[in-house]
Amino acid sequence: MRTTANIATVRAYEVRPEGLADTAKVLKNIVLFAAAPFIGLAYAAAFPFVAIGMLAWYGVRAARKRAVTA
């Protein structure tokens, strides 16, 4: 009788450390789930400032390029 082992069957027999690692993973997911609205709000609040900075950056670059060529 010939036996073959592939990755799926070998992983099925892995010994996973239970307890603290799983608890930490669950707590991390809960914290990220709770923090997600505040992170999104921070992005939404920062967007106008980033946009104004970007427009200013491109304006300064264009003005410097125009001053050099003129």
N, C-alpha and C. Protein backbone atom coordinates (compact mmCIF):
# COMPACT_ATOMS: atom_id res chain seq x y z
N MET A 1 0.83 -1.16 0.00
CA MET A 1 0.00 0.00 0.00
C MET A 1 0.89 1.24 0.00
N ARG A 2 0.56 2.18 -0.85
CA ARG A 2 1.36 3.38 -0.99
C ARG A 2 0.65 4.54 -0.29
N THR A 3 1.38 5.30 0.49
CA THR A 3 0.80 6.44 1.20
C THR A 3 1.44 7.72 0.68
N THR A 4 0.61 8.69 0.39
CA THR A 4 1.13 10.00 -0.04
C THR A 4 0.67 11.05 0.95
N ALA A 5 1.53 11.97 1.20
CA ALA A 5 1.19 13.08 2.10
C ALA A 5 1.36 14.37 1.33
N ASN A 6 0.32 15.13 1.30
CA ASN A 6 0.42 16.45 0.70
C ASN A 6 0.32 17.50 1.80
N ILE A 7 0.45 18.74 1.42
CA ILE A 7 0.46 19.82 2.40
C ILE A 7 -0.83 19.85 3.21
N ALA A 8 -1.95 19.60 2.59
CA ALA A 8 -3.23 19.67 3.30
C ALA A 8 -3.30 18.61 4.40
N THR A 9 -2.87 17.40 4.11
CA THR A 9 -2.95 16.37 5.14
C THR A 9 -1.90 16.57 6.22
N VAL A 10 -0.75 17.09 5.87
CA VAL A 10 0.28 17.32 6.88
C VAL A 10 -0.14 18.45 7.80
N ARG A 11 -0.71 19.51 7.26
CA ARG A 11 -1.13 20.63 8.10
C ARG A 11 -2.28 20.25 9.01
N ALA A 12 -3.07 19.28 8.62
CA ALA A 12 -4.18 18.86 9.46
C ALA A 12 -3.69 18.26 10.76
N TYR A 13 -2.48 17.75 10.79
CA TYR A 13 -1.94 17.12 11.99
C TYR A 13 -1.01 18.02 12.79
N GLU A 14 -0.92 19.30 12.41
CA GLU A 14 -0.07 20.21 13.14
C GLU A 14 -0.61 20.43 14.55
N VAL A 15 0.29 20.64 15.45
CA VAL A 15 -0.09 20.95 16.82
C VAL A 15 -0.04 22.46 16.97
N ARG A 16 -1.19 23.05 17.22
CA ARG A 16 -1.26 24.50 17.37
C ARG A 16 -1.22 24.87 18.83
N PRO A 17 -0.43 25.87 19.18
CA PRO A 17 -0.44 26.31 20.57
C PRO A 17 -1.75 27.01 20.89
N GLU A 18 -2.47 26.50 21.81
CA GLU A 18 -3.75 27.07 22.20
C GLU A 18 -3.53 28.04 23.36
N GLY A 19 -4.49 28.81 23.65
CA GLY A 19 -4.42 29.64 24.84
C GLY A 19 -4.04 31.07 24.56
N LEU A 20 -2.87 31.45 25.01
CA LEU A 20 -2.47 32.85 25.00
C LEU A 20 -2.37 33.43 23.59
N ALA A 21 -1.84 32.67 22.65
CA ALA A 21 -1.70 33.18 21.28
C ALA A 21 -3.07 33.43 20.65
N ASP A 22 -3.99 32.50 20.84
CA ASP A 22 -5.33 32.68 20.28
C ASP A 22 -6.06 33.83 20.96
N THR A 23 -5.89 33.95 22.26
CA THR A 23 -6.52 35.04 23.00
C THR A 23 -5.99 36.39 22.53
N ALA A 24 -4.69 36.48 22.31
CA ALA A 24 -4.10 37.74 21.83
C ALA A 24 -4.63 38.08 20.44
N LYS A 25 -4.77 37.08 19.59
CA LYS A 25 -5.28 37.33 18.23
C LYS A 25 -6.71 37.83 18.27
N VAL A 26 -7.54 37.23 19.12
CA VAL A 26 -8.93 37.65 19.24
C VAL A 26 -9.02 39.06 19.81
N LEU A 27 -8.22 39.36 20.83
CA LEU A 27 -8.24 40.70 21.40
C LEU A 27 -7.77 41.74 20.40
N LYS A 28 -6.77 41.41 19.60
CA LYS A 28 -6.29 42.34 18.57
C LYS A 28 -7.40 42.63 17.56
N ASN A 29 -8.11 41.60 17.16
CA ASN A 29 -9.21 41.80 16.20
C ASN A 29 -10.33 42.64 16.79
N ILE A 30 -10.63 42.45 18.06
CA ILE A 30 -11.67 43.24 18.72
C ILE A 30 -11.26 44.70 18.80
N VAL A 31 -10.00 44.94 19.17
CA VAL A 31 -9.51 46.32 19.28
C VAL A 31 -9.52 47.00 17.91
N LEU A 32 -9.08 46.30 16.88
CA LEU A 32 -9.09 46.89 15.53
C LEU A 32 -10.51 47.16 15.06
N PHE A 33 -11.44 46.26 15.38
CA PHE A 33 -12.84 46.46 15.00
C PHE A 33 -13.40 47.69 15.69
N ALA A 34 -13.07 47.89 16.96
CA ALA A 34 -13.57 49.04 17.70
C ALA A 34 -12.90 50.33 17.26
N ALA A 35 -11.65 50.27 16.84
CA ALA A 35 -10.91 51.47 16.45
C ALA A 35 -11.16 51.89 15.01
N ALA A 36 -11.69 51.01 14.20
CA ALA A 36 -11.85 51.29 12.76
C ALA A 36 -12.64 52.57 12.47
N PRO A 37 -13.77 52.82 13.14
CA PRO A 37 -14.49 54.07 12.83
C PRO A 37 -13.67 55.32 13.14
N PHE A 38 -12.88 55.28 14.21
CA PHE A 38 -12.08 56.44 14.57
C PHE A 38 -10.91 56.64 13.60
N ILE A 39 -10.35 55.55 13.13
CA ILE A 39 -9.29 55.64 12.12
C ILE A 39 -9.85 56.23 10.83
N GLY A 40 -11.03 55.77 10.43
CA GLY A 40 -11.69 56.32 9.24
C GLY A 40 -12.02 57.79 9.40
N LEU A 41 -12.46 58.17 10.60
CA LEU A 41 -12.76 59.57 10.86
C LEU A 41 -11.50 60.43 10.78
N ALA A 42 -10.39 59.90 11.28
CA ALA A 42 -9.13 60.64 11.20
C ALA A 42 -8.71 60.85 9.74
N TYR A 43 -8.88 59.81 8.92
CA TYR A 43 -8.56 59.96 7.50
C TYR A 43 -9.46 61.01 6.85
N ALA A 44 -10.75 60.97 7.17
CA ALA A 44 -11.68 61.92 6.57
C ALA A 44 -11.38 63.35 7.03
N ALA A 45 -10.98 63.50 8.30
CA ALA A 45 -10.67 64.84 8.80
C ALA A 45 -9.36 65.36 8.23
N ALA A 46 -8.40 64.48 7.96
CA ALA A 46 -7.10 64.90 7.45
C ALA A 46 -7.13 65.16 5.94
N PHE A 47 -8.11 64.62 5.24
CA PHE A 47 -8.12 64.73 3.78
C PHE A 47 -8.06 66.17 3.26
N PRO A 48 -8.85 67.11 3.79
CA PRO A 48 -8.76 68.48 3.25
C PRO A 48 -7.37 69.09 3.42
N PHE A 49 -6.72 68.81 4.55
CA PHE A 49 -5.39 69.37 4.78
C PHE A 49 -4.36 68.75 3.84
N VAL A 50 -4.49 67.49 3.59
CA VAL A 50 -3.59 66.82 2.65
C VAL A 50 -3.81 67.37 1.24
N ALA A 51 -5.07 67.58 0.87
CA ALA A 51 -5.38 68.10 -0.46
C ALA A 51 -4.84 69.52 -0.63
N ILE A 52 -5.00 70.36 0.38
CA ILE A 52 -4.48 71.73 0.30
C ILE A 52 -2.96 71.72 0.21
N GLY A 53 -2.32 70.86 0.99
CA GLY A 53 -0.87 70.73 0.93
C GLY A 53 -0.39 70.28 -0.44
N MET A 54 -1.13 69.32 -1.02
CA MET A 54 -0.76 68.83 -2.34
C MET A 54 -0.90 69.93 -3.39
N LEU A 55 -2.00 70.67 -3.33
CA LEU A 55 -2.18 71.77 -4.28
C LEU A 55 -1.10 72.83 -4.11
N ALA A 56 -0.75 73.13 -2.87
CA ALA A 56 0.32 74.10 -2.63
C ALA A 56 1.65 73.59 -3.18
N TRP A 57 1.93 72.31 -2.98
CA TRP A 57 3.17 71.72 -3.47
C TRP A 57 3.26 71.83 -4.99
N TYR A 58 2.19 71.46 -5.67
CA TYR A 58 2.20 71.54 -7.13
C TYR A 58 2.27 73.00 -7.60
N GLY A 59 1.62 73.89 -6.86
CA GLY A 59 1.69 75.31 -7.22
C GLY A 59 3.10 75.86 -7.08
N VAL A 60 3.78 75.51 -6.00
CA VAL A 60 5.15 75.97 -5.80
C VAL A 60 6.07 75.38 -6.86
N ARG A 61 5.89 74.10 -7.18
CA ARG A 61 6.71 73.48 -8.22
C ARG A 61 6.51 74.16 -9.57
N ALA A 62 5.24 74.46 -9.89
CA ALA A 62 4.96 75.12 -11.17
C ALA A 62 5.54 76.53 -11.19
N ALA A 63 5.44 77.25 -10.07
CA ALA A 63 5.98 78.62 -10.02
C ALA A 63 7.50 78.61 -10.12
N ARG A 64 8.15 77.65 -9.49
CA ARG A 64 9.61 77.57 -9.58
C ARG A 64 10.05 77.22 -11.00
N LYS A 65 9.30 76.29 -11.63
CA LYS A 65 9.65 75.92 -13.00
C LYS A 65 9.46 77.12 -13.94
N ARG A 66 8.39 77.88 -13.72
CA ARG A 66 8.12 79.04 -14.56
C ARG A 66 9.17 80.14 -14.35
N ALA A 67 9.62 80.30 -13.09
CA ALA A 67 10.61 81.34 -12.78
C ALA A 67 11.96 80.98 -13.40
N VAL A 68 12.29 79.71 -13.46
CA VAL A 68 13.57 79.28 -14.02
C VAL A 68 13.56 79.47 -15.53
N THR A 69 12.47 79.15 -16.19
CA THR A 69 12.42 79.24 -17.66
C THR A 69 12.20 80.66 -18.15
N ALA A 70 11.69 81.54 -17.31
CA ALA A 70 11.41 82.91 -17.76
C ALA A 70 12.61 83.81 -17.66
